Amino acid sequence: MDGIKHFAATRPGQLCPSCKQPLPTTVQRHKTMGVYVPLYADAPCDNPSCSRAVTADRRAPEGDVTRGPATDPGPDGA
């Protein structure tokens, strides 16, 4: 080893398409093969003057997770 310490680059944040402010990043965890791995996602814009900002009246209730479309349970209903 050369004795020089190299720092990892930080993950660049995404910018809001309407106000160009940096979006906050949320970190969730997902269990894969017995190990929890981080999942990074951009949170909604928190700039109050932005048209895409999520306000208190438009915010989803706590614990509500948005998932993909519901799947058909199949012919047996299970």
N, C-alpha and C. Protein backbone atom coordinates (compact mmCIF):
# COMPACT_ATOMS: atom_id res chain seq x y z
N MET A 1 0.84 -1.19 0.00
CA MET A 1 0.00 0.00 0.00
C MET A 1 0.88 1.24 0.00
N ASP A 2 0.40 2.27 -0.57
CA ASP A 2 1.20 3.48 -0.71
C ASP A 2 1.07 4.43 0.48
N GLY A 3 0.22 4.13 1.44
CA GLY A 3 0.08 4.97 2.61
C GLY A 3 -0.79 6.20 2.42
N ILE A 4 -1.34 6.37 1.24
CA ILE A 4 -2.22 7.51 0.97
C ILE A 4 -3.66 7.07 1.21
N LYS A 5 -4.36 7.86 1.99
CA LYS A 5 -5.75 7.52 2.29
C LYS A 5 -6.66 8.14 1.24
N HIS A 6 -7.45 7.31 0.59
CA HIS A 6 -8.38 7.78 -0.44
C HIS A 6 -9.78 7.76 0.14
N PHE A 7 -10.47 8.85 0.05
CA PHE A 7 -11.83 8.93 0.56
C PHE A 7 -12.81 8.61 -0.55
N ALA A 8 -13.85 7.92 -0.19
CA ALA A 8 -14.89 7.58 -1.16
C ALA A 8 -15.65 8.84 -1.54
N ALA A 9 -16.04 8.91 -2.77
CA ALA A 9 -16.82 10.06 -3.24
C ALA A 9 -18.22 9.99 -2.65
N THR A 10 -18.77 11.12 -2.33
CA THR A 10 -20.13 11.16 -1.82
C THR A 10 -21.10 10.97 -2.96
N ARG A 11 -22.24 10.42 -2.66
CA ARG A 11 -23.27 10.21 -3.67
C ARG A 11 -23.86 11.56 -4.05
N PRO A 12 -23.82 11.93 -5.31
CA PRO A 12 -24.37 13.23 -5.69
C PRO A 12 -25.88 13.24 -5.54
N GLY A 13 -26.40 14.30 -4.97
CA GLY A 13 -27.83 14.42 -4.80
C GLY A 13 -28.52 14.82 -6.08
N GLN A 14 -29.78 14.51 -6.16
CA GLN A 14 -30.57 14.89 -7.32
C GLN A 14 -31.14 16.28 -7.08
N LEU A 15 -31.44 16.98 -8.15
CA LEU A 15 -32.03 18.30 -8.05
C LEU A 15 -33.50 18.23 -8.41
N CYS A 16 -34.30 19.05 -7.75
CA CYS A 16 -35.73 19.14 -8.06
C CYS A 16 -35.86 19.71 -9.47
N PRO A 17 -36.68 19.10 -10.33
CA PRO A 17 -36.80 19.60 -11.69
C PRO A 17 -37.43 20.98 -11.79
N SER A 18 -38.22 21.39 -10.80
CA SER A 18 -38.88 22.69 -10.94
C SER A 18 -38.12 23.82 -10.26
N CYS A 19 -37.57 23.60 -9.06
CA CYS A 19 -36.90 24.70 -8.35
C CYS A 19 -35.38 24.56 -8.31
N LYS A 20 -34.85 23.45 -8.78
CA LYS A 20 -33.40 23.19 -8.86
C LYS A 20 -32.70 23.17 -7.50
N GLN A 21 -33.45 22.93 -6.42
CA GLN A 21 -32.87 22.76 -5.10
C GLN A 21 -32.53 21.28 -4.91
N PRO A 22 -31.49 20.96 -4.10
CA PRO A 22 -31.17 19.55 -3.87
C PRO A 22 -32.30 18.85 -3.11
N LEU A 23 -32.59 17.63 -3.53
CA LEU A 23 -33.63 16.84 -2.87
C LEU A 23 -33.02 16.08 -1.70
N PRO A 24 -33.73 15.99 -0.58
CA PRO A 24 -33.21 15.20 0.53
C PRO A 24 -33.23 13.71 0.17
N THR A 25 -32.32 12.96 0.73
CA THR A 25 -32.22 11.54 0.45
C THR A 25 -32.71 10.75 1.65
N THR A 26 -33.54 9.75 1.41
CA THR A 26 -33.99 8.87 2.47
C THR A 26 -33.27 7.54 2.33
N VAL A 27 -33.00 6.91 3.45
CA VAL A 27 -32.33 5.61 3.44
C VAL A 27 -33.26 4.62 4.13
N GLN A 28 -33.59 3.58 3.41
CA GLN A 28 -34.37 2.48 3.98
C GLN A 28 -33.50 1.25 3.91
N ARG A 29 -33.91 0.18 4.57
CA ARG A 29 -33.12 -1.04 4.49
C ARG A 29 -33.96 -2.16 3.92
N HIS A 30 -33.29 -3.07 3.26
CA HIS A 30 -33.93 -4.19 2.60
C HIS A 30 -33.10 -5.43 2.91
N LYS A 31 -33.78 -6.49 3.32
CA LYS A 31 -33.06 -7.71 3.66
C LYS A 31 -32.87 -8.55 2.41
N THR A 32 -31.62 -8.85 2.10
CA THR A 32 -31.27 -9.66 0.94
C THR A 32 -30.33 -10.76 1.39
N MET A 33 -30.76 -11.98 1.22
CA MET A 33 -29.95 -13.14 1.59
C MET A 33 -29.45 -13.05 3.03
N GLY A 34 -30.31 -12.61 3.95
CA GLY A 34 -29.97 -12.55 5.36
C GLY A 34 -29.19 -11.33 5.79
N VAL A 35 -28.92 -10.41 4.89
CA VAL A 35 -28.15 -9.21 5.21
C VAL A 35 -28.97 -7.99 4.84
N TYR A 36 -29.00 -7.00 5.74
CA TYR A 36 -29.70 -5.76 5.43
C TYR A 36 -28.80 -4.87 4.58
N VAL A 37 -29.33 -4.42 3.45
CA VAL A 37 -28.59 -3.52 2.57
C VAL A 37 -29.35 -2.20 2.47
N PRO A 38 -28.64 -1.08 2.35
CA PRO A 38 -29.34 0.21 2.27
C PRO A 38 -29.95 0.44 0.90
N LEU A 39 -31.11 1.08 0.91
CA LEU A 39 -31.78 1.52 -0.31
C LEU A 39 -31.88 3.03 -0.24
N TYR A 40 -31.26 3.71 -1.16
CA TYR A 40 -31.28 5.16 -1.18
C TYR A 40 -32.34 5.64 -2.16
N ALA A 41 -33.14 6.60 -1.73
CA ALA A 41 -34.17 7.17 -2.59
C ALA A 41 -34.27 8.66 -2.31
N ASP A 42 -34.66 9.41 -3.30
CA ASP A 42 -34.85 10.84 -3.12
C ASP A 42 -36.22 11.10 -2.53
N ALA A 43 -36.26 11.92 -1.50
CA ALA A 43 -37.51 12.30 -0.86
C ALA A 43 -38.15 13.42 -1.68
N PRO A 44 -39.44 13.69 -1.45
CA PRO A 44 -40.07 14.81 -2.16
C PRO A 44 -39.42 16.14 -1.78
N CYS A 45 -39.56 17.10 -2.65
CA CYS A 45 -38.98 18.42 -2.43
C CYS A 45 -39.59 19.05 -1.18
N ASP A 46 -38.72 19.65 -0.34
CA ASP A 46 -39.21 20.27 0.89
C ASP A 46 -39.15 21.79 0.83
N ASN A 47 -38.94 22.35 -0.36
CA ASN A 47 -38.94 23.79 -0.54
C ASN A 47 -40.39 24.27 -0.56
N PRO A 48 -40.83 25.12 0.39
CA PRO A 48 -42.24 25.52 0.44
C PRO A 48 -42.69 26.34 -0.76
N SER A 49 -41.78 26.99 -1.46
CA SER A 49 -42.18 27.79 -2.62
C SER A 49 -42.15 26.99 -3.92
N CYS A 50 -41.83 25.72 -3.85
CA CYS A 50 -41.75 24.87 -5.04
C CYS A 50 -43.14 24.31 -5.38
N SER A 51 -43.42 24.18 -6.67
CA SER A 51 -44.72 23.64 -7.08
C SER A 51 -44.80 22.13 -6.84
N ARG A 52 -43.66 21.45 -6.73
CA ARG A 52 -43.65 20.00 -6.50
C ARG A 52 -43.48 19.64 -5.03
N ALA A 53 -43.46 20.63 -4.16
CA ALA A 53 -43.26 20.36 -2.74
C ALA A 53 -44.45 19.62 -2.16
N VAL A 54 -44.17 18.74 -1.21
CA VAL A 54 -45.23 18.01 -0.52
C VAL A 54 -45.55 18.78 0.74
N THR A 55 -46.77 19.29 0.82
CA THR A 55 -47.20 20.04 1.99
C THR A 55 -47.90 19.09 2.95
N ALA A 56 -48.24 19.59 4.13
CA ALA A 56 -48.87 18.76 5.16
C ALA A 56 -50.21 18.20 4.69
N ASP A 57 -50.98 18.96 3.89
CA ASP A 57 -52.27 18.46 3.44
C ASP A 57 -52.14 17.45 2.30
N ARG A 58 -51.00 17.43 1.58
CA ARG A 58 -50.80 16.48 0.49
C ARG A 58 -49.91 15.31 0.89
N ARG A 59 -49.38 15.32 2.09
CA ARG A 59 -48.46 14.28 2.55
C ARG A 59 -49.22 12.99 2.87
N ALA A 60 -48.62 11.85 2.56
CA ALA A 60 -49.21 10.55 2.86
C ALA A 60 -49.16 10.33 4.37
N PRO A 61 -50.14 9.62 4.92
CA PRO A 61 -50.11 9.35 6.36
C PRO A 61 -48.88 8.52 6.73
N GLU A 62 -48.43 8.68 7.98
CA GLU A 62 -47.26 7.94 8.44
C GLU A 62 -47.52 6.44 8.34
N GLY A 63 -46.53 5.72 7.91
CA GLY A 63 -46.66 4.27 7.80
C GLY A 63 -47.27 3.82 6.49
N ASP A 64 -47.79 4.73 5.68
CA ASP A 64 -48.38 4.36 4.40
C ASP A 64 -47.24 4.21 3.39
N VAL A 65 -47.13 3.03 2.82
CA VAL A 65 -46.07 2.75 1.87
C VAL A 65 -46.69 2.59 0.50
N THR A 66 -46.20 3.32 -0.46
CA THR A 66 -46.71 3.20 -1.82
C THR A 66 -46.06 1.99 -2.47
N ARG A 67 -46.88 1.13 -3.00
CA ARG A 67 -46.38 -0.08 -3.64
C ARG A 67 -46.85 -0.09 -5.08
N GLY A 68 -46.36 -1.03 -5.83
CA GLY A 68 -46.74 -1.17 -7.22
C GLY A 68 -48.18 -1.61 -7.35
N PRO A 69 -48.64 -1.84 -8.58
CA PRO A 69 -50.02 -2.26 -8.79
C PRO A 69 -50.30 -3.60 -8.13
N ALA A 70 -51.53 -3.75 -7.69
CA ALA A 70 -51.93 -5.00 -7.05
C ALA A 70 -51.89 -6.13 -8.07
N THR A 71 -51.48 -7.29 -7.62
CA THR A 71 -51.42 -8.43 -8.51
C THR A 71 -52.70 -9.24 -8.39
N ASP A 72 -53.01 -9.96 -9.44
CA ASP A 72 -54.20 -10.80 -9.45
C ASP A 72 -53.93 -12.01 -8.56
N PRO A 73 -54.82 -12.31 -7.59
CA PRO A 73 -54.56 -13.43 -6.69
C PRO A 73 -54.64 -14.79 -7.37
N GLY A 74 -55.17 -14.85 -8.57
CA GLY A 74 -55.24 -16.12 -9.28
C GLY A 74 -56.60 -16.76 -9.17
N PRO A 75 -56.80 -17.89 -9.82
CA PRO A 75 -58.12 -18.52 -9.83
C PRO A 75 -58.55 -19.09 -8.48
N ASP A 76 -57.59 -19.49 -7.64
CA ASP A 76 -57.98 -20.06 -6.35
C ASP A 76 -58.18 -19.00 -5.28
N GLY A 77 -57.84 -17.74 -5.56
CA GLY A 77 -58.09 -16.63 -4.64
C GLY A 77 -57.06 -16.52 -3.54
N ALA A 78 -56.00 -17.32 -3.56
CA ALA A 78 -55.01 -17.26 -2.49
C ALA A 78 -53.75 -16.60 -2.95
